[in-house]
Amino acid sequence: MFSIPSSLPAKTDLAIIGAGPHALTLVAHLLQKRQTMGGRIIVFDKGGKWMGHWQHQFAALEIPHLRSPAVHHPDPNPFALRKFAESRPHELFPPYDLPGTQLFEDFCEYVIRRFSLQQQVIPLTVRRIEPLPSRLCPRLRLWLDSGQTMMARRVVLAKGSNKPQIPDWVNQIDSEYPQDRLCHSQTVDLRKLQLMGERVLIVGGGLTSGHLAVGAISRGAKVHLMIRRQLQEKLFDTEPGWLGPKYLKGFLAQQDYHKRFDMLVQARNGGSITPAMGLQLRREVRHGNLKIDENCQVLQAEWLGKSWQVKCSDGSQYEYSRIWLSTGTKYDATSEALLKEVLEAYPIKIVNGLPVLDEYLRIPGCELFLMGGLAALQVGPTARNLSGARMASEKIVRAIVKPSIAFSYQRSA
């Protein structure tokens, strides 16, 4: 972990906001192409370490292994994780060598050491990105929570800029209730809970809801899983054809960005669980620990002082001690505070919250790059996944290592 330096450099060639798997993938790909850039990259993340938030989320939900096969990881060599796992084959899970959580963490540590990135993350939060337009050499000024500022030639926003999706009925609850009795899955930490004798409602049908259900049952709870449509079982959250030209060629050829957005929605098609999770859940149903209601939604919830009374769309009513919302997240550039001033200075087309970026994932006219879900209109439906991190890195690295690309838009401006 890197302590806050008493004096930060006044400027940097590249500032990366976030230290999760996307940021690590980008830095590894960049340094493989341009080793000399190592000292000119600064990474900001309030946790002060690589992969900190990712590790916390996986531990909090007790996720045993990844959903992505072993070829998806931050190292530029697709086979590096398999090679790393040669002495630990039992930590690659069927059917497609899905890496165990600890194996993946250890491999990321190996990548961090291999590229000498241990001291790269500064435990500060970027509060503002201020664009300083110039025809010759535009810059971005970063305002930090320490009160310091830094000038950056380029900035990559690589933190998960996603907001929890909260159902309408939650906002209609008019009584006060304890915050831990109704919360989004992002804030649930199973390790801190004793649930013996409790009844827990989990809203949503994605893989996270499955992990929450299994974790709650193992702690003595009875769980009700409520899904507004049919429970879907899929190995991956998108078809493997989206990892290459099979589907991406047609997607990238589509010039109507509203149609591209529709393709994204159709490709992900909401949340799904894996067949292995489906087996676990059906076993718990047989044992009487789990009830699954499909095509059913909450209409109203009322806090009665010690429990929730919930009315459902099928006319039924239930009482629960807790409600967990596994309702996913949404990406919206217009509500991302760090993009506010940049989008004012460089107005761009935004489609249902997603910005239309250039081919290098840059806000046109500006040296600010986006990774993750906000880059989905250019990367495709796997943009937020590990495979999307690799695709995004390849695009961004091209713009960084070739100065002609970096400044071509200025000459034509």
Protein backbone atom coordinates (compact mmCIF):
# COMPACT_ATOMS: atom_id res chain seq x y z
CA MET A 1 0.00 0.00 0.00
CA PHE A 2 1.27 3.43 -0.92
CA SER A 3 1.18 6.24 1.64
CA ILE A 4 0.26 9.77 0.54
CA PRO A 5 3.47 11.49 -0.55
CA SER A 6 4.16 14.82 1.17
CA SER A 7 4.49 16.46 -2.24
CA LEU A 8 2.82 15.07 -5.32
CA PRO A 9 4.36 15.91 -8.67
CA ALA A 10 2.80 19.00 -10.19
CA LYS A 11 2.04 17.16 -13.43
CA THR A 12 1.92 13.69 -14.92
CA ASP A 13 1.75 12.19 -18.37
CA LEU A 14 -1.07 9.80 -17.47
CA ALA A 15 -3.42 9.78 -14.48
CA ILE A 16 -5.71 6.79 -13.94
CA ILE A 17 -8.71 7.10 -11.63
CA GLY A 18 -9.47 3.76 -10.01
CA ALA A 19 -7.25 0.74 -9.22
CA GLY A 20 -9.54 -2.16 -10.09
CA PRO A 21 -9.15 -4.86 -12.75
CA HIS A 22 -9.71 -2.42 -15.63
CA ALA A 23 -6.99 -0.05 -14.46
CA LEU A 24 -4.58 -2.92 -13.80
CA THR A 25 -5.27 -4.37 -17.26
CA LEU A 26 -4.60 -1.01 -18.90
CA VAL A 27 -1.31 -0.38 -17.06
CA ALA A 28 -0.04 -3.91 -17.77
CA HIS A 29 -0.85 -3.59 -21.49
CA LEU A 30 0.68 -0.11 -21.66
CA LEU A 31 3.93 -1.09 -19.94
CA GLN A 32 4.33 -4.12 -22.13
CA LYS A 33 4.34 -1.77 -25.13
CA ARG A 34 6.19 1.16 -23.53
CA GLN A 35 8.22 0.18 -20.43
CA THR A 36 9.62 3.68 -20.08
CA MET A 37 6.18 5.04 -19.15
CA GLY A 38 6.27 3.39 -15.71
CA GLY A 39 7.38 6.51 -13.88
CA ARG A 40 4.94 8.75 -15.76
CA ILE A 41 1.75 7.00 -14.62
CA ILE A 42 -0.09 7.90 -11.43
CA VAL A 43 -3.07 5.88 -10.18
CA PHE A 44 -5.56 7.37 -7.72
CA ASP A 45 -7.76 5.14 -5.57
CA LYS A 46 -8.96 5.98 -2.06
CA GLY A 47 -8.20 2.42 -0.89
CA GLY A 48 -4.53 2.89 -1.74
CA LYS A 49 -4.09 -0.58 -3.25
CA TRP A 50 -4.75 -2.45 -6.45
CA MET A 51 -7.97 -4.47 -6.62
CA GLY A 52 -9.07 -3.42 -3.11
CA HIS A 53 -12.76 -2.83 -3.91
CA TRP A 54 -12.92 -5.94 -6.10
CA GLN A 55 -11.46 -8.09 -3.33
CA HIS A 56 -13.89 -6.63 -0.79
CA GLN A 57 -16.93 -7.34 -2.98
CA PHE A 58 -15.93 -10.93 -3.71
CA ALA A 59 -15.19 -11.58 -0.02
CA ALA A 60 -18.38 -9.84 1.17
CA LEU A 61 -20.53 -12.06 -1.08
CA GLU A 62 -18.35 -15.15 -0.51
CA ILE A 63 -17.97 -15.73 -4.25
CA PRO A 64 -15.88 -18.90 -4.70
CA HIS A 65 -14.79 -18.37 -8.31
CA LEU A 66 -15.12 -16.04 -11.27
CA ARG A 67 -17.72 -16.41 -13.99
CA SER A 68 -15.15 -15.65 -16.72
CA PRO A 69 -12.81 -18.39 -18.04
CA ALA A 70 -9.09 -18.35 -17.25
CA VAL A 71 -8.12 -16.49 -20.44
CA HIS A 72 -9.73 -13.27 -19.10
CA HIS A 73 -7.43 -11.41 -16.70
CA PRO A 74 -5.22 -8.27 -16.57
CA ASP A 75 -2.02 -9.76 -18.04
CA PRO A 76 -1.40 -9.08 -21.75
CA ASN A 77 -0.66 -12.77 -22.33
CA PRO A 78 -4.03 -14.61 -22.42
CA PHE A 79 -2.43 -17.86 -21.23
CA ALA A 80 -0.51 -16.35 -18.29
CA LEU A 81 -3.14 -17.31 -15.70
CA ARG A 82 -3.26 -20.93 -16.85
CA LYS A 83 0.54 -21.08 -16.63
CA PHE A 84 0.40 -19.50 -13.14
CA ALA A 85 -2.17 -22.12 -12.08
CA GLU A 86 -0.16 -25.16 -13.19
CA SER A 87 0.65 -26.08 -9.59
CA ARG A 88 -2.92 -25.27 -8.45
CA PRO A 89 -5.17 -27.03 -11.02
CA HIS A 90 -7.85 -27.70 -8.37
CA GLU A 91 -8.49 -23.92 -8.28
CA LEU A 92 -9.72 -23.90 -11.89
CA PHE A 93 -13.40 -24.82 -11.87
CA PRO A 94 -15.41 -26.54 -14.61
CA PRO A 95 -16.71 -26.19 -17.24
CA TYR A 96 -14.22 -23.68 -18.70
CA ASP A 97 -11.42 -23.35 -16.12
CA LEU A 98 -13.08 -20.62 -14.08
CA PRO A 99 -10.41 -19.24 -11.72
CA GLY A 100 -11.00 -19.56 -7.98
CA THR A 101 -11.21 -16.18 -6.24
CA GLN A 102 -7.98 -16.68 -4.26
CA LEU A 103 -6.15 -17.90 -7.36
CA PHE A 104 -7.25 -14.82 -9.29
CA GLU A 105 -6.20 -12.49 -6.45
CA ASP A 106 -2.79 -14.17 -6.23
CA PHE A 107 -2.36 -13.94 -10.00
CA CYS A 108 -3.16 -10.21 -9.96
CA GLU A 109 -0.53 -9.77 -7.23
CA TYR A 110 1.91 -11.57 -9.52
CA VAL A 111 1.05 -9.17 -12.37
CA ILE A 112 1.51 -6.19 -10.03
CA ARG A 113 4.98 -7.44 -9.02
CA ARG A 114 5.94 -8.38 -12.59
CA PHE A 115 5.34 -4.82 -13.78
CA SER A 116 6.69 -3.27 -10.52
CA LEU A 117 3.39 -1.57 -9.72
CA GLN A 118 3.40 -2.07 -5.92
CA GLN A 119 3.96 1.64 -5.25
CA GLN A 120 1.78 2.99 -8.04
CA VAL A 121 -1.52 3.64 -6.22
CA ILE A 122 -1.95 6.89 -4.29
CA PRO A 123 -4.71 6.75 -1.61
CA LEU A 124 -6.46 9.94 -2.66
CA THR A 125 -9.83 10.59 -4.27
CA VAL A 126 -10.15 12.76 -7.37
CA ARG A 127 -13.00 15.19 -6.68
CA ARG A 128 -13.00 17.18 -9.93
CA ILE A 129 -11.62 16.95 -13.43
CA GLU A 130 -11.20 20.47 -14.80
CA PRO A 131 -10.57 20.70 -18.55
CA LEU A 132 -8.13 23.38 -19.66
CA PRO A 133 -8.79 23.64 -23.42
CA SER A 134 -5.99 24.74 -25.70
CA ARG A 135 -5.47 24.32 -29.44
CA LEU A 136 -1.83 23.37 -28.96
CA CYS A 137 -1.74 21.34 -25.79
CA PRO A 138 -4.96 20.78 -23.81
CA ARG A 139 -4.55 19.61 -20.23
CA LEU A 140 -6.77 18.29 -17.46
CA ARG A 141 -6.43 19.53 -13.89
CA LEU A 142 -7.30 17.03 -11.17
CA TRP A 143 -8.60 18.34 -7.85
CA LEU A 144 -7.89 15.92 -5.00
CA ASP A 145 -9.61 15.44 -1.64
CA SER A 146 -6.32 16.42 0.04
CA GLY A 147 -6.70 19.94 -1.36
CA GLN A 148 -3.87 19.38 -3.83
CA THR A 149 -4.16 19.66 -7.60
CA MET A 150 -2.29 17.98 -10.43
CA MET A 151 -2.03 18.65 -14.15
CA ALA A 152 -2.40 15.62 -16.41
CA ARG A 153 -1.77 15.32 -20.12
CA ARG A 154 -4.17 12.38 -20.27
CA VAL A 155 -6.68 10.92 -17.82
CA VAL A 156 -8.37 7.52 -17.84
CA LEU A 157 -11.55 7.12 -15.79
CA ALA A 158 -11.36 3.43 -14.84
CA LYS A 159 -13.49 3.29 -11.73
CA GLY A 160 -16.87 1.57 -11.78
CA SER A 161 -18.99 4.62 -12.60
CA ASN A 162 -22.24 2.81 -11.98
CA LYS A 163 -25.17 3.65 -9.75
CA PRO A 164 -27.36 1.10 -7.94
CA GLN A 165 -30.76 0.61 -9.57
CA ILE A 166 -33.37 1.17 -6.88
CA PRO A 167 -36.98 0.05 -7.59
CA ASP A 168 -39.71 2.71 -7.41
CA TRP A 169 -41.46 1.08 -4.43
CA VAL A 170 -38.39 1.74 -2.25
CA ASN A 171 -38.72 5.51 -2.76
CA GLN A 172 -42.39 5.29 -1.73
CA ILE A 173 -41.65 3.89 1.76
CA ASP A 174 -42.76 6.67 4.10
CA SER A 175 -41.66 5.26 7.46
CA GLU A 176 -38.17 5.32 8.98
CA TYR A 177 -36.38 1.97 9.01
CA PRO A 178 -32.91 0.71 9.98
CA GLN A 179 -30.58 1.04 6.98
CA ASP A 180 -29.28 -2.51 7.31
CA ARG A 181 -32.83 -3.92 6.95
CA LEU A 182 -33.21 -2.73 3.36
CA CYS A 183 -30.08 -2.36 1.28
CA HIS A 184 -28.60 -2.87 -2.16
CA SER A 185 -26.42 -5.92 -2.72
CA GLN A 186 -23.38 -3.62 -3.08
CA THR A 187 -23.51 -2.88 0.66
CA VAL A 188 -24.26 -6.40 1.99
CA ASP A 189 -21.33 -8.07 3.75
CA LEU A 190 -22.28 -11.66 4.56
CA ARG A 191 -19.23 -12.09 6.79
CA LYS A 192 -20.69 -9.72 9.38
CA LEU A 193 -24.15 -11.30 9.62
CA GLN A 194 -25.84 -13.87 11.86
CA LEU A 195 -29.23 -14.67 10.36
CA MET A 196 -30.52 -17.63 12.36
CA GLY A 197 -34.31 -17.70 12.22
CA GLU A 198 -34.58 -14.66 9.94
CA ARG A 199 -36.65 -14.41 6.75
CA VAL A 200 -34.82 -12.59 3.96
CA LEU A 201 -36.36 -11.30 0.71
CA ILE A 202 -33.90 -11.01 -2.18
CA VAL A 203 -35.19 -9.05 -5.18
CA GLY A 204 -33.54 -9.86 -8.53
CA GLY A 205 -32.52 -12.84 -10.65
CA GLY A 206 -28.82 -12.35 -11.39
CA LEU A 207 -25.83 -14.31 -10.14
CA THR A 208 -25.36 -11.91 -7.21
CA SER A 209 -28.83 -12.80 -5.90
CA GLY A 210 -27.80 -16.46 -6.00
CA HIS A 211 -24.64 -15.80 -3.95
CA LEU A 212 -26.69 -13.79 -1.45
CA ALA A 213 -29.28 -16.55 -1.15
CA VAL A 214 -26.68 -19.27 -0.56
CA GLY A 215 -24.84 -17.08 1.96
CA ALA A 216 -28.00 -16.19 3.89
CA ILE A 217 -29.18 -19.83 4.04
CA SER A 218 -25.78 -20.95 5.32
CA ARG A 219 -26.28 -18.51 8.20
CA GLY A 220 -29.63 -19.96 9.20
CA ALA A 221 -32.04 -17.77 7.23
CA LYS A 222 -35.04 -18.76 5.14
CA VAL A 223 -34.85 -16.96 1.81
CA HIS A 224 -37.50 -15.79 -0.66
CA LEU A 225 -36.10 -14.99 -4.12
CA MET A 226 -38.42 -12.76 -6.13
CA ILE A 227 -37.77 -12.19 -9.84
CA ARG A 228 -39.84 -9.97 -12.12
CA ARG A 229 -39.46 -12.44 -15.01
CA GLN A 230 -38.29 -16.04 -15.51
CA LEU A 231 -35.06 -17.14 -13.83
CA GLN A 232 -32.45 -17.41 -16.61
CA GLU A 233 -29.60 -19.90 -16.60
CA LYS A 234 -26.57 -19.12 -18.77
CA LEU A 235 -22.89 -20.01 -18.48
CA PHE A 236 -21.84 -16.42 -19.15
CA ASP A 237 -23.72 -13.13 -18.93
CA THR A 238 -23.27 -12.58 -22.69
CA GLU A 239 -22.82 -14.99 -25.60
CA PRO A 240 -19.15 -15.87 -26.32
CA GLY A 241 -19.63 -14.50 -29.87
CA TRP A 242 -19.39 -11.00 -28.36
CA LEU A 243 -15.72 -11.60 -27.49
CA GLY A 244 -14.68 -11.39 -31.15
CA PRO A 245 -15.74 -10.32 -34.62
CA LYS A 246 -18.65 -12.79 -34.85
CA TYR A 247 -21.04 -10.32 -33.21
CA LEU A 248 -18.84 -7.24 -32.73
CA LYS A 249 -18.37 -6.66 -36.46
CA GLY A 250 -22.07 -5.97 -37.00
CA PHE A 251 -22.28 -3.99 -33.75
CA LEU A 252 -19.42 -1.65 -34.69
CA ALA A 253 -20.74 -1.28 -38.24
CA GLN A 254 -24.04 0.05 -36.87
CA GLN A 255 -23.84 3.85 -37.12
CA ASP A 256 -27.16 4.50 -35.33
CA TYR A 257 -26.14 4.63 -31.68
CA HIS A 258 -29.71 4.15 -30.45
CA LYS A 259 -29.74 0.84 -32.33
CA ARG A 260 -26.34 0.01 -30.83
CA PHE A 261 -27.80 0.64 -27.40
CA ASP A 262 -30.68 -1.72 -28.16
CA MET A 263 -28.14 -4.36 -29.21
CA LEU A 264 -26.35 -3.94 -25.86
CA VAL A 265 -29.57 -4.42 -23.90
CA GLN A 266 -30.56 -7.44 -25.98
CA ALA A 267 -27.11 -9.04 -25.65
CA ARG A 268 -26.99 -8.81 -21.85
CA ASN A 269 -30.73 -9.46 -21.51
CA GLY A 270 -30.83 -8.70 -17.79
CA GLY A 271 -29.39 -10.84 -15.00
CA SER A 272 -28.80 -14.58 -15.19
CA ILE A 273 -27.39 -17.33 -13.00
CA THR A 274 -24.98 -20.09 -13.97
CA PRO A 275 -26.19 -23.71 -14.28
CA ALA A 276 -24.04 -24.56 -11.23
CA MET A 277 -25.80 -21.88 -9.17
CA GLY A 278 -29.16 -23.15 -10.48
CA LEU A 279 -28.33 -26.61 -9.08
CA GLN A 280 -27.50 -25.12 -5.67
CA LEU A 281 -30.70 -23.09 -5.56
CA ARG A 282 -32.92 -26.03 -6.54
CA ARG A 283 -31.30 -28.10 -3.79
CA GLU A 284 -32.17 -25.40 -1.23
CA VAL A 285 -35.75 -25.29 -2.55
CA ARG A 286 -36.04 -29.06 -1.98
CA HIS A 287 -34.68 -28.67 1.56
CA GLY A 288 -37.29 -26.02 2.34
CA ASN A 289 -34.77 -23.19 2.82
CA LEU A 290 -35.62 -21.26 -0.34
CA LYS A 291 -38.75 -20.13 -2.16
CA ILE A 292 -38.40 -18.80 -5.72
CA ASP A 293 -41.18 -16.68 -7.21
CA GLU A 294 -40.82 -15.84 -10.91
CA ASN A 295 -42.85 -13.22 -12.79
CA CYS A 296 -43.53 -11.51 -9.48
CA GLN A 297 -42.71 -8.01 -8.19
CA VAL A 298 -42.95 -6.06 -4.97
CA LEU A 299 -45.74 -3.48 -5.08
CA GLN A 300 -45.38 -2.03 -1.59
CA ALA A 301 -43.24 -2.47 1.52
CA GLU A 302 -43.97 -1.14 5.00
CA TRP A 303 -41.67 -1.24 8.02
CA LEU A 304 -43.64 -2.42 11.06
CA GLY A 305 -40.96 -1.71 13.66
CA LYS A 306 -39.35 -5.14 13.72
CA SER A 307 -40.12 -6.54 10.28
CA TRP A 308 -41.23 -5.69 6.76
CA GLN A 309 -44.72 -6.28 5.44
CA VAL A 310 -44.54 -6.71 1.67
CA LYS A 311 -47.37 -6.79 -0.88
CA CYS A 312 -46.63 -8.50 -4.18
CA SER A 313 -48.01 -8.24 -7.71
CA ASP A 314 -49.60 -11.72 -7.45
CA GLY A 315 -51.75 -10.56 -4.52
CA SER A 316 -49.72 -12.31 -1.81
CA GLN A 317 -48.36 -10.69 1.37
CA TYR A 318 -45.30 -11.67 3.39
CA GLU A 319 -43.29 -10.61 6.41
CA TYR A 320 -39.48 -10.41 6.29
CA SER A 321 -36.75 -9.33 8.66
CA ARG A 322 -34.58 -8.03 5.79
CA ILE A 323 -34.82 -7.06 2.12
CA TRP A 324 -31.80 -7.16 -0.17
CA LEU A 325 -31.98 -5.51 -3.58
CA SER A 326 -30.00 -7.46 -6.15
CA THR A 327 -31.37 -5.20 -8.86
CA GLY A 328 -28.14 -4.38 -10.64
CA THR A 329 -26.58 -1.07 -11.54
CA LYS A 330 -26.87 1.43 -14.36
CA TYR A 331 -24.36 3.63 -16.14
CA ASP A 332 -25.13 7.29 -16.75
CA ALA A 333 -22.44 9.74 -17.84
CA THR A 334 -24.72 12.69 -17.07
CA SER A 335 -24.84 11.79 -13.36
CA GLU A 336 -21.09 11.05 -13.02
CA ALA A 337 -19.73 14.06 -11.09
CA LEU A 338 -16.20 13.70 -12.49
CA LEU A 339 -17.49 14.11 -16.06
CA LYS A 340 -19.61 17.20 -15.41
CA GLU A 341 -17.12 19.92 -16.34
CA VAL A 342 -15.58 17.93 -19.19
CA LEU A 343 -18.98 17.35 -20.82
CA GLU A 344 -19.78 21.06 -20.45
CA ALA A 345 -16.52 21.99 -22.21
CA TYR A 346 -16.77 19.21 -24.80
CA PRO A 347 -20.48 18.49 -25.43
CA ILE A 348 -20.95 15.06 -26.98
CA LYS A 349 -23.81 12.81 -27.97
CA ILE A 350 -25.14 10.70 -25.07
CA VAL A 351 -27.54 7.80 -25.70
CA ASN A 352 -29.54 6.58 -22.70
CA GLY A 353 -26.72 7.63 -20.37
CA LEU A 354 -23.89 6.19 -22.48
CA PRO A 355 -21.47 8.63 -24.16
CA VAL A 356 -20.51 8.32 -27.82
CA LEU A 357 -16.69 8.18 -27.64
CA ASP A 358 -14.10 8.09 -30.41
CA GLU A 359 -12.54 4.80 -31.52
CA TYR A 360 -9.89 5.09 -28.78
CA LEU A 361 -12.57 5.49 -26.04
CA ARG A 362 -11.78 9.18 -25.69
CA ILE A 363 -14.25 12.01 -25.28
CA PRO A 364 -13.86 13.70 -28.68
CA GLY A 365 -11.67 16.80 -28.50
CA CYS A 366 -10.32 15.90 -25.05
CA GLU A 367 -7.65 13.57 -23.66
CA LEU A 368 -10.06 11.91 -21.20
CA PHE A 369 -10.59 8.19 -21.82
CA LEU A 370 -13.35 6.00 -20.34
CA MET A 371 -13.25 2.29 -19.43
CA GLY A 372 -15.90 -0.08 -18.13
CA GLY A 373 -19.64 0.16 -18.66
CA LEU A 374 -19.51 3.79 -19.81
CA ALA A 375 -17.53 2.67 -22.88
CA ALA A 376 -20.11 0.07 -23.91
CA LEU A 377 -21.22 1.84 -27.13
CA GLN A 378 -17.65 1.38 -28.47
CA VAL A 379 -16.55 -1.85 -26.74
CA GLY A 380 -19.80 -3.84 -26.76
CA PRO A 381 -21.84 -5.66 -24.11
CA THR A 382 -18.78 -7.12 -22.34
CA ALA A 383 -17.39 -3.61 -21.65
CA ARG A 384 -17.73 -3.96 -17.87
CA ASN A 385 -16.22 -7.48 -17.80
CA LEU A 386 -12.59 -8.64 -17.74
CA SER A 387 -12.74 -9.35 -21.47
CA GLY A 388 -13.99 -5.79 -21.99
CA ALA A 389 -11.07 -4.47 -19.95
CA ARG A 390 -8.68 -6.12 -22.41
CA MET A 391 -10.55 -4.77 -25.46
CA ALA A 392 -10.66 -1.26 -23.96
CA SER A 393 -6.96 -1.38 -23.05
CA GLU A 394 -5.96 -2.29 -26.60
CA LYS A 395 -7.87 0.73 -27.94
CA ILE A 396 -6.54 3.21 -25.35
CA VAL A 397 -2.92 1.99 -25.54
CA ARG A 398 -2.89 2.65 -29.30
CA ALA A 399 -3.76 6.31 -28.69
CA ILE A 400 -1.17 6.71 -25.92
CA VAL A 401 1.84 5.12 -27.64
CA LYS A 402 1.27 6.85 -31.00
CA PRO A 403 1.56 10.65 -30.63
CA SER A 404 0.16 11.13 -34.13
CA ILE A 405 -3.18 9.72 -32.90
CA ALA A 406 -3.13 11.83 -29.75
CA PHE A 407 -2.95 15.11 -31.61
CA SER A 408 -4.58 14.36 -34.96
CA TYR A 409 -7.94 15.71 -33.85
CA GLN A 410 -6.35 19.03 -32.85
CA ARG A 411 -4.82 19.61 -36.27
CA SER A 412 -8.21 19.05 -37.86
CA ALA A 413 -10.04 21.16 -35.27
